[in-house]
Amino acid sequence: MKFVDLQDFYVKMFIVADEKRHNEFEQKMGWTAFKDLKDEKRVAFLSYDKLKALYDLEVKKAELSLGI
């Protein structure tokens, strides 16, 4: 429900949680309170595993650029 308070900030936001909660995220984004956020695609779900994969990729890029 915190997103209702933040909906006036026009930025891309992420819910970071276990993949098991993805369905819960989708369900709650269907609520009328989140209609504008959903329609404007300002909130996305990001699983812990995906976040770690993105982090690992950035670390590898940094290591390559630094010659590590």
Protein backbone atom coordinates (compact mmCIF):
# COMPACT_ATOMS: atom_id res chain seq x y z
CA MET A 1 0.00 0.00 0.00
CA LYS A 2 3.03 2.30 0.28
CA PHE A 3 2.85 2.87 -3.48
CA VAL A 4 -0.40 4.80 -3.01
CA ASP A 5 1.60 7.34 -1.00
CA LEU A 6 4.31 7.42 -3.67
CA GLN A 7 2.15 7.56 -6.79
CA ASP A 8 2.75 11.29 -7.26
CA PHE A 9 6.46 10.62 -7.82
CA TYR A 10 6.86 9.90 -11.54
CA VAL A 11 9.70 7.41 -11.36
CA LYS A 12 10.08 3.72 -12.10
CA MET A 13 9.75 1.68 -8.90
CA PHE A 14 10.43 -1.96 -8.14
CA ILE A 15 9.07 -4.44 -5.66
CA VAL A 16 11.96 -6.75 -4.78
CA ALA A 17 10.80 -10.03 -3.28
CA ASP A 18 10.99 -13.79 -3.53
CA GLU A 19 9.63 -15.14 -6.82
CA LYS A 20 6.95 -16.97 -4.79
CA ARG A 21 5.31 -13.58 -4.20
CA HIS A 22 5.10 -12.58 -7.87
CA ASN A 23 1.46 -13.68 -8.13
CA GLU A 24 0.60 -11.65 -5.03
CA PHE A 25 2.23 -8.61 -6.66
CA GLU A 26 0.21 -9.09 -9.87
CA GLN A 27 -2.98 -9.53 -7.88
CA LYS A 28 -2.46 -6.38 -5.84
CA MET A 29 -1.47 -4.33 -8.89
CA GLY A 30 -4.97 -5.11 -10.16
CA TRP A 31 -6.49 -3.07 -7.34
CA THR A 32 -8.13 0.20 -8.34
CA ALA A 33 -5.75 2.14 -6.07
CA PHE A 34 -2.83 1.10 -8.30
CA LYS A 35 -4.53 1.61 -11.68
CA ASP A 36 -2.43 4.62 -12.74
CA LEU A 37 0.81 3.01 -11.60
CA LYS A 38 -0.01 -0.15 -13.54
CA ASP A 39 -1.26 1.63 -16.67
CA GLU A 40 1.87 3.80 -16.78
CA LYS A 41 4.13 0.78 -16.04
CA ARG A 42 5.82 2.62 -13.19
CA VAL A 43 6.02 -0.40 -10.88
CA ALA A 44 7.68 -3.70 -11.71
CA PHE A 45 8.40 -6.90 -9.85
CA LEU A 46 12.03 -7.98 -9.46
CA SER A 47 12.86 -11.28 -7.80
CA TYR A 48 15.86 -11.67 -5.50
CA ASP A 49 17.36 -14.13 -7.98
CA LYS A 50 17.02 -11.69 -10.90
CA LEU A 51 18.49 -8.87 -8.81
CA LYS A 52 21.48 -11.05 -7.91
CA ALA A 53 21.96 -12.00 -11.57
CA LEU A 54 21.93 -8.31 -12.55
CA TYR A 55 24.43 -7.53 -9.79
CA ASP A 56 26.72 -10.37 -10.87
CA LEU A 57 26.59 -9.15 -14.47
CA GLU A 58 27.57 -5.62 -13.43
CA VAL A 59 30.44 -6.96 -11.31
CA LYS A 60 31.74 -8.92 -14.31
CA LYS A 61 31.49 -5.82 -16.51
CA ALA A 62 33.41 -3.79 -13.94
CA GLU A 63 36.08 -6.46 -13.63
CA LEU A 64 36.51 -6.59 -17.41
CA SER A 65 36.77 -2.82 -17.71
CA LEU A 66 39.34 -2.74 -14.90
CA GLY A 67 41.27 -5.74 -16.22
CA ILE A 68 40.75 -7.70 -13.02
